[in-house]
Amino acid sequence: MANWSEKRRLKKEIKLCMQTIQEIERKRSRSQSALVQAVLLQETPDERDVEWFNKYTGEITACRNHMIELQKKLNSL
């Protein structure tokens, strides 16, 4: 019975990670479009856009890594 509840908890947490990643990706897309526009116009990108893009990318990477660990635990049960 404990195994079932652990699987349920892990699945719920994985789903939450996926939703979090989607939310962060939406936020990151704003700075990403500003960076792409700067590249296309051959301009220097705004440093704030670069910082936000890097910040969100780091958060996405950390969340994905956490999600991978949760999936490994789930698969081992």
PDB file of N, CA and C in Angstrom:
ATOM      1  N   MET A   1       0.816  -1.200   0.000  1.00  0.00           N
ATOM      2  CA  MET A   1       0.000   0.000   0.000  1.00  0.00           C
ATOM      3  C   MET A   1       0.858   1.261   0.000  1.00  0.00           C
ATOM      4  N   ALA A   2       1.958   1.231   0.743  1.00  0.00           N
ATOM      5  CA  ALA A   2       2.855   2.392   0.786  1.00  0.00           C
ATOM      6  C   ALA A   2       3.461   2.652  -0.585  1.00  0.00           C
ATOM      7  N   ASN A   3       3.726   1.582  -1.304  1.00  0.00           N
ATOM      8  CA  ASN A   3       4.295   1.703  -2.648  1.00  0.00           C
ATOM      9  C   ASN A   3       3.341   2.457  -3.572  1.00  0.00           C
ATOM     10  N   TRP A   4       2.047   2.161  -3.477  1.00  0.00           N
ATOM     11  CA  TRP A   4       1.043   2.812  -4.304  1.00  0.00           C
ATOM     12  C   TRP A   4       0.971   4.307  -3.999  1.00  0.00           C
ATOM     13  N   SER A   5       0.979   4.647  -2.712  1.00  0.00           N
ATOM     14  CA  SER A   5       0.885   6.064  -2.347  1.00  0.00           C
ATOM     15  C   SER A   5       2.149   6.830  -2.739  1.00  0.00           C
ATOM     16  N   GLU A   6       3.288   6.160  -2.666  1.00  0.00           N
ATOM     17  CA  GLU A   6       4.546   6.794  -3.098  1.00  0.00           C
ATOM     18  C   GLU A   6       4.519   7.055  -4.609  1.00  0.00           C
ATOM     19  N   LYS A   7       4.025   6.099  -5.371  1.00  0.00           N
ATOM     20  CA  LYS A   7       3.901   6.276  -6.826  1.00  0.00           C
ATOM     21  C   LYS A   7       2.975   7.448  -7.137  1.00  0.00           C
ATOM     22  N   ARG A   8       1.872   7.507  -6.407  1.00  0.00           N
ATOM     23  CA  ARG A   8       0.906   8.589  -6.616  1.00  0.00           C
ATOM     24  C   ARG A   8       1.526   9.943  -6.307  1.00  0.00           C
ATOM     25  N   ARG A   9       2.277  10.012  -5.219  1.00  0.00           N
ATOM     26  CA  ARG A   9       2.938  11.260  -4.825  1.00  0.00           C
ATOM     27  C   ARG A   9       3.955  11.686  -5.878  1.00  0.00           C
ATOM     28  N   LEU A  10       4.746  10.713  -6.363  1.00  0.00           N
ATOM     29  CA  LEU A  10       5.762  11.019  -7.372  1.00  0.00           C
ATOM     30  C   LEU A  10       5.115  11.503  -8.673  1.00  0.00           C
ATOM     31  N   LYS A  11       4.044  10.841  -9.102  1.00  0.00           N
ATOM     32  CA  LYS A  11       3.354  11.254 -10.328  1.00  0.00           C
ATOM     33  C   LYS A  11       2.806  12.677 -10.193  1.00  0.00           C
ATOM     34  N   LYS A  12       2.258  12.974  -9.027  1.00  0.00           N
ATOM     35  CA  LYS A  12       1.719  14.316  -8.783  1.00  0.00           C
ATOM     36  C   LYS A  12       2.835  15.362  -8.820  1.00  0.00           C
ATOM     37  N   GLU A  13       3.979  15.029  -8.215  1.00  0.00           N
ATOM     38  CA  GLU A  13       5.096  15.969  -8.199  1.00  0.00           C
ATOM     39  C   GLU A  13       5.700  16.151  -9.599  1.00  0.00           C
ATOM     40  N   ILE A  14       5.743  15.079 -10.386  1.00  0.00           N
ATOM     41  CA  ILE A  14       6.228  15.171 -11.769  1.00  0.00           C
ATOM     42  C   ILE A  14       5.310  16.081 -12.578  1.00  0.00           C
ATOM     43  N   LYS A  15       4.006  15.917 -12.392  1.00  0.00           N
ATOM     44  CA  LYS A  15       3.042  16.762 -13.106  1.00  0.00           C
ATOM     45  C   LYS A  15       3.231  18.230 -12.729  1.00  0.00           C
ATOM     46  N   LEU A  16       3.445  18.486 -11.441  1.00  0.00           N
ATOM     47  CA  LEU A  16       3.681  19.856 -10.975  1.00  0.00           C
ATOM     48  C   LEU A  16       4.960  20.432 -11.601  1.00  0.00           C
ATOM     49  N   CYS A  17       6.001  19.615 -11.702  1.00  0.00           N
ATOM     50  CA  CYS A  17       7.251  20.064 -12.349  1.00  0.00           C
ATOM     51  C   CYS A  17       6.997  20.440 -13.809  1.00  0.00           C
ATOM     52  N   MET A  18       6.219  19.624 -14.504  1.00  0.00           N
ATOM     53  CA  MET A  18       5.930  19.908 -15.913  1.00  0.00           C
ATOM     54  C   MET A  18       5.182  21.224 -16.052  1.00  0.00           C
ATOM     55  N   GLN A  19       4.227  21.473 -15.156  1.00  0.00           N
ATOM     56  CA  GLN A  19       3.475  22.733 -15.204  1.00  0.00           C
ATOM     57  C   GLN A  19       4.387  23.913 -14.893  1.00  0.00           C
ATOM     58  N   THR A  20       5.274  23.732 -13.933  1.00  0.00           N
ATOM     59  CA  THR A  20       6.220  24.793 -13.574  1.00  0.00           C
ATOM     60  C   THR A  20       7.137  25.115 -14.748  1.00  0.00           C
ATOM     61  N   ILE A  21       7.627  24.082 -15.412  1.00  0.00           N
ATOM     62  CA  ILE A  21       8.504  24.283 -16.572  1.00  0.00           C
ATOM     63  C   ILE A  21       7.769  25.061 -17.660  1.00  0.00           C
ATOM     64  N   GLN A  22       6.531  24.701 -17.920  1.00  0.00           N
ATOM     65  CA  GLN A  22       5.750  25.415 -18.942  1.00  0.00           C
ATOM     66  C   GLN A  22       5.581  26.884 -18.579  1.00  0.00           C
ATOM     67  N   GLU A  23       5.321  27.153 -17.320  1.00  0.00           N
ATOM     68  CA  GLU A  23       5.151  28.529 -16.862  1.00  0.00           C
ATOM     69  C   GLU A  23       6.451  29.324 -17.015  1.00  0.00           C
ATOM     70  N   ILE A  24       7.558  28.730 -16.638  1.00  0.00           N
ATOM     71  CA  ILE A  24       8.851  29.412 -16.752  1.00  0.00           C
ATOM     72  C   ILE A  24       9.215  29.610 -18.221  1.00  0.00           C
ATOM     73  N   GLU A  25       8.903  28.623 -19.068  1.00  0.00           N
ATOM     74  CA  GLU A  25       9.192  28.760 -20.494  1.00  0.00           C
ATOM     75  C   GLU A  25       8.419  29.922 -21.101  1.00  0.00           C
ATOM     76  N   ARG A  26       7.189  30.140 -20.646  1.00  0.00           N
ATOM     77  CA  ARG A  26       6.407  31.291 -21.135  1.00  0.00           C
ATOM     78  C   ARG A  26       7.092  32.598 -20.749  1.00  0.00           C
ATOM     79  N   LYS A  27       7.570  32.661 -19.513  1.00  0.00           N
ATOM     80  CA  LYS A  27       8.272  33.864 -19.054  1.00  0.00           C
ATOM     81  C   LYS A  27       9.569  34.059 -19.846  1.00  0.00           C
ATOM     82  N   ARG A  28      10.271  32.965 -20.072  1.00  0.00           N
ATOM     83  CA  ARG A  28      11.548  33.052 -20.787  1.00  0.00           C
ATOM     84  C   ARG A  28      11.351  33.483 -22.234  1.00  0.00           C
ATOM     85  N   SER A  29      10.228  33.140 -22.816  1.00  0.00           N
ATOM     86  CA  SER A  29      10.010  33.460 -24.235  1.00  0.00           C
ATOM     87  C   SER A  29      10.010  34.963 -24.491  1.00  0.00           C
ATOM     88  N   ARG A  30       9.617  35.754 -23.487  1.00  0.00           N
ATOM     89  CA  ARG A  30       9.636  37.215 -23.662  1.00  0.00           C
ATOM     90  C   ARG A  30      11.064  37.715 -23.888  1.00  0.00           C
ATOM     91  N   SER A  31      11.965  37.283 -23.019  1.00  0.00           N
ATOM     92  CA  SER A  31      13.352  37.734 -23.180  1.00  0.00           C
ATOM     93  C   SER A  31      13.992  37.077 -24.397  1.00  0.00           C
ATOM     94  N   GLN A  32      13.583  35.842 -24.692  1.00  0.00           N
ATOM     95  CA  GLN A  32      14.129  35.151 -25.852  1.00  0.00           C
ATOM     96  C   GLN A  32      13.771  35.892 -27.142  1.00  0.00           C
ATOM     97  N   SER A  33      12.533  36.370 -27.260  1.00  0.00           N
ATOM     98  CA  SER A  33      12.172  37.104 -28.474  1.00  0.00           C
ATOM     99  C   SER A  33      12.923  38.413 -28.592  1.00  0.00           C
ATOM    100  N   ALA A  34      13.174  39.068 -27.462  1.00  0.00           N
ATOM    101  CA  ALA A  34      13.959  40.304 -27.497  1.00  0.00           C
ATOM    102  C   ALA A  34      15.393  40.013 -27.941  1.00  0.00           C
ATOM    103  N   LEU A  35      15.942  38.893 -27.486  1.00  0.00           N
ATOM    104  CA  LEU A  35      17.306  38.528 -27.897  1.00  0.00           C
ATOM    105  C   LEU A  35      17.357  38.188 -29.384  1.00  0.00           C
ATOM    106  N   VAL A  36      16.375  37.458 -29.861  1.00  0.00           N
ATOM    107  CA  VAL A  36      16.333  37.095 -31.286  1.00  0.00           C
ATOM    108  C   VAL A  36      16.199  38.363 -32.136  1.00  0.00           C
ATOM    109  N   GLN A  37      15.354  39.271 -31.695  1.00  0.00           N
ATOM    110  CA  GLN A  37      15.185  40.518 -32.448  1.00  0.00           C
ATOM    111  C   GLN A  37      16.507  41.286 -32.512  1.00  0.00           C
ATOM    112  N   ALA A  38      17.228  41.344 -31.414  1.00  0.00           N
ATOM    113  CA  ALA A  38      18.516  42.043 -31.394  1.00  0.00           C
ATOM    114  C   ALA A  38      19.494  41.389 -32.361  1.00  0.00           C
ATOM    115  N   VAL A  39      19.495  40.056 -32.377  1.00  0.00           N
ATOM    116  CA  VAL A  39      20.399  39.338 -33.291  1.00  0.00           C
ATOM    117  C   VAL A  39      20.025  39.636 -34.743  1.00  0.00           C
ATOM    118  N   LEU A  40      18.728  39.580 -35.044  1.00  0.00           N
ATOM    119  CA  LEU A  40      18.278  39.823 -36.419  1.00  0.00           C
ATOM    120  C   LEU A  40      18.572  41.244 -36.876  1.00  0.00           C
ATOM    121  N   LEU A  41      18.499  42.188 -35.937  1.00  0.00           N
ATOM    122  CA  LEU A  41      18.792  43.580 -36.274  1.00  0.00           C
ATOM    123  C   LEU A  41      20.276  43.906 -36.128  1.00  0.00           C
ATOM    124  N   GLN A  42      21.051  42.884 -35.800  1.00  0.00           N
ATOM    125  CA  GLN A  42      22.498  43.018 -35.602  1.00  0.00           C
ATOM    126  C   GLN A  42      22.818  44.110 -34.577  1.00  0.00           C
ATOM    127  N   GLU A  43      22.065  44.074 -33.490  1.00  0.00           N
ATOM    128  CA  GLU A  43      22.264  45.014 -32.385  1.00  0.00           C
ATOM    129  C   GLU A  43      22.766  44.251 -31.166  1.00  0.00           C
ATOM    130  N   THR A  44      23.311  44.982 -30.225  1.00  0.00           N
ATOM    131  CA  THR A  44      23.711  44.375 -28.958  1.00  0.00           C
ATOM    132  C   THR A  44      22.453  44.183 -28.121  1.00  0.00           C
ATOM    133  N   PRO A  45      22.221  42.960 -27.635  1.00  0.00           N
ATOM    134  CA  PRO A  45      21.002  42.732 -26.842  1.00  0.00           C
ATOM    135  C   PRO A  45      21.062  43.462 -25.500  1.00  0.00           C
ATOM    136  N   ASP A  46      19.916  43.839 -25.014  1.00  0.00           N
ATOM    137  CA  ASP A  46      19.801  44.484 -23.705  1.00  0.00           C
ATOM    138  C   ASP A  46      20.273  43.497 -22.636  1.00  0.00           C
ATOM    139  N   GLU A  47      21.132  43.967 -21.764  1.00  0.00           N
ATOM    140  CA  GLU A  47      21.711  43.107 -20.732  1.00  0.00           C
ATOM    141  C   GLU A  47      20.637  42.508 -19.820  1.00  0.00           C
ATOM    142  N   ARG A  48      19.574  43.234 -19.567  1.00  0.00           N
ATOM    143  CA  ARG A  48      18.478  42.713 -18.726  1.00  0.00           C
ATOM    144  C   ARG A  48      17.801  41.515 -19.371  1.00  0.00           C
ATOM    145  N   ASP A  49      17.625  41.582 -20.708  1.00  0.00           N
ATOM    146  CA  ASP A  49      17.024  40.445 -21.409  1.00  0.00           C
ATOM    147  C   ASP A  49      17.927  39.221 -21.317  1.00  0.00           C
ATOM    148  N   VAL A  50      19.221  39.443 -21.430  1.00  0.00           N
ATOM    149  CA  VAL A  50      20.186  38.341 -21.316  1.00  0.00           C
ATOM    150  C   VAL A  50      20.125  37.742 -19.910  1.00  0.00           C
ATOM    151  N   GLU A  51      20.082  38.606 -18.900  1.00  0.00           N
ATOM    152  CA  GLU A  51      20.016  38.126 -17.512  1.00  0.00           C
ATOM    153  C   GLU A  51      18.745  37.328 -17.250  1.00  0.00           C
ATOM    154  N   TRP A  52      17.597  37.843 -17.703  1.00  0.00           N
ATOM    155  CA  TRP A  52      16.338  37.124 -17.500  1.00  0.00           C
ATOM    156  C   TRP A  52      16.351  35.791 -18.230  1.00  0.00           C
ATOM    157  N   PHE A  53      16.849  35.793 -19.462  1.00  0.00           N
ATOM    158  CA  PHE A  53      16.903  34.557 -20.228  1.00  0.00           C
ATOM    159  C   PHE A  53      17.756  33.518 -19.500  1.00  0.00           C
ATOM    160  N   ASN A  54      18.921  33.929 -19.026  1.00  0.00           N
ATOM    161  CA  ASN A  54      19.808  33.006 -18.306  1.00  0.00           C
ATOM    162  C   ASN A  54      19.183  32.532 -16.996  1.00  0.00           C
ATOM    163  N   LYS A  55      18.519  33.431 -16.301  1.00  0.00           N
ATOM    164  CA  LYS A  55      17.861  33.078 -15.034  1.00  0.00           C
ATOM    165  C   LYS A  55      16.790  32.018 -15.273  1.00  0.00           C
ATOM    166  N   TYR A  56      15.914  32.268 -16.225  1.00  0.00           N
ATOM    167  CA  TYR A  56      14.835  31.321 -16.501  1.00  0.00           C
ATOM    168  C   TYR A  56      15.371  30.002 -17.049  1.00  0.00           C
ATOM    169  N   THR A  57      16.398  30.063 -17.873  1.00  0.00           N
ATOM    170  CA  THR A  57      16.985  28.835 -18.403  1.00  0.00           C
ATOM    171  C   THR A  57      17.556  27.986 -17.266  1.00  0.00           C
ATOM    172  N   GLY A  58      18.203  28.629 -16.305  1.00  0.00           N
ATOM    173  CA  GLY A  58      18.736  27.903 -15.151  1.00  0.00           C
ATOM    174  C   GLY A  58      17.630  27.266 -14.326  1.00  0.00           C
ATOM    175  N   GLU A  59      16.524  27.990 -14.147  1.00  0.00           N
ATOM    176  CA  GLU A  59      15.392  27.448 -13.392  1.00  0.00           C
ATOM    177  C   GLU A  59      14.769  26.255 -14.113  1.00  0.00           C
ATOM    178  N   ILE A  60      14.660  26.355 -15.428  1.00  0.00           N
ATOM    179  CA  ILE A  60      14.105  25.254 -16.223  1.00  0.00           C
ATOM    180  C   ILE A  60      15.003  24.029 -16.116  1.00  0.00           C
ATOM    181  N   THR A  61      16.299  24.235 -16.228  1.00  0.00           N
ATOM    182  CA  THR A  61      17.253  23.124 -16.136  1.00  0.00           C
ATOM    183  C   THR A  61      17.171  22.442 -14.772  1.00  0.00           C
ATOM    184  N   ALA A  62      17.116  23.233 -13.707  1.00  0.00           N
ATOM    185  CA  ALA A  62      17.034  22.669 -12.354  1.00  0.00           C
ATOM    186  C   ALA A  62      15.734  21.878 -12.184  1.00  0.00           C
ATOM    187  N   CYS A  63      14.639  22.413 -12.683  1.00  0.00           N
ATOM    188  CA  CYS A  63      13.354  21.735 -12.557  1.00  0.00           C
ATOM    189  C   CYS A  63      13.342  20.442 -13.376  1.00  0.00           C
ATOM    190  N   ARG A  64      13.917  20.475 -14.565  1.00  0.00           N
ATOM    191  CA  ARG A  64      13.988  19.252 -15.393  1.00  0.00           C
ATOM    192  C   ARG A  64      14.839  18.188 -14.718  1.00  0.00           C
ATOM    193  N   ASN A  65      15.960  18.601 -14.145  1.00  0.00           N
ATOM    194  CA  ASN A  65      16.819  17.645 -13.458  1.00  0.00           C
ATOM    195  C   ASN A  65      16.081  17.010 -12.281  1.00  0.00           C
ATOM    196  N   HIS A  66      15.336  17.820 -11.537  1.00  0.00           N
ATOM    197  CA  HIS A  66      14.543  17.303 -10.422  1.00  0.00           C
ATOM    198  C   HIS A  66      13.493  16.323 -10.929  1.00  0.00           C
ATOM    199  N   MET A  67      12.855  16.678 -12.020  1.00  0.00           N
ATOM    200  CA  MET A  67      11.828  15.825 -12.596  1.00  0.00           C
ATOM    201  C   MET A  67      12.418  14.490 -13.064  1.00  0.00           C
ATOM    202  N   ILE A  68      13.603  14.522 -13.623  1.00  0.00           N
ATOM    203  CA  ILE A  68      14.278  13.291 -14.065  1.00  0.00           C
ATOM    204  C   ILE A  68      14.554  12.380 -12.870  1.00  0.00           C
ATOM    205  N   GLU A  69      14.994  12.976 -11.762  1.00  0.00           N
ATOM    206  CA  GLU A  69      15.238  12.194 -10.550  1.00  0.00           C
ATOM    207  C   GLU A  69      13.943  11.577 -10.024  1.00  0.00           C
ATOM    208  N   LEU A  70      12.866  12.349 -10.044  1.00  0.00           N
ATOM    209  CA  LEU A  70      11.578  11.813  -9.607  1.00  0.00           C
ATOM    210  C   LEU A  70      11.129  10.665 -10.503  1.00  0.00           C
ATOM    211  N   GLN A  71      11.330  10.818 -11.809  1.00  0.00           N
ATOM    212  CA  GLN A  71      10.932   9.755 -12.753  1.00  0.00           C
ATOM    213  C   GLN A  71      11.757   8.496 -12.513  1.00  0.00           C
ATOM    214  N   LYS A  72      13.039   8.646 -12.215  1.00  0.00           N
ATOM    215  CA  LYS A  72      13.883   7.480 -11.903  1.00  0.00           C
ATOM    216  C   LYS A  72      13.363   6.755 -10.670  1.00  0.00           C
ATOM    217  N   LYS A  73      12.994   7.524  -9.638  1.00  0.00           N
ATOM    218  CA  LYS A  73      12.435   6.915  -8.432  1.00  0.00           C
ATOM    219  C   LYS A  73      11.144   6.179  -8.737  1.00  0.00           C
ATOM    220  N   LEU A  74      10.289   6.826  -9.549  1.00  0.00           N
ATOM    221  CA  LEU A  74       9.015   6.216  -9.916  1.00  0.00           C
ATOM    222  C   LEU A  74       9.246   4.909 -10.686  1.00  0.00           C
ATOM    223  N   ASN A  75      10.172   4.939 -11.629  1.00  0.00           N
ATOM    224  CA  ASN A  75      10.460   3.752 -12.438  1.00  0.00           C
ATOM    225  C   ASN A  75      11.028   2.607 -11.603  1.00  0.00           C
ATOM    226  N   SER A  76      11.717   2.941 -10.519  1.00  0.00           N
ATOM    227  CA  SER A  76      12.319   1.899  -9.699  1.00  0.00           C
ATOM    228  C   SER A  76      11.306   1.230  -8.761  1.00  0.00           C
ATOM    229  N   LEU A  77      10.127   1.838  -8.619  1.00  0.00           N
ATOM    230  CA  LEU A  77       9.115   1.249  -7.723  1.00  0.00           C
ATOM    231  C   LEU A  77       8.330   0.151  -8.411  1.00  0.00           C
TER     232      LEU A  77
END
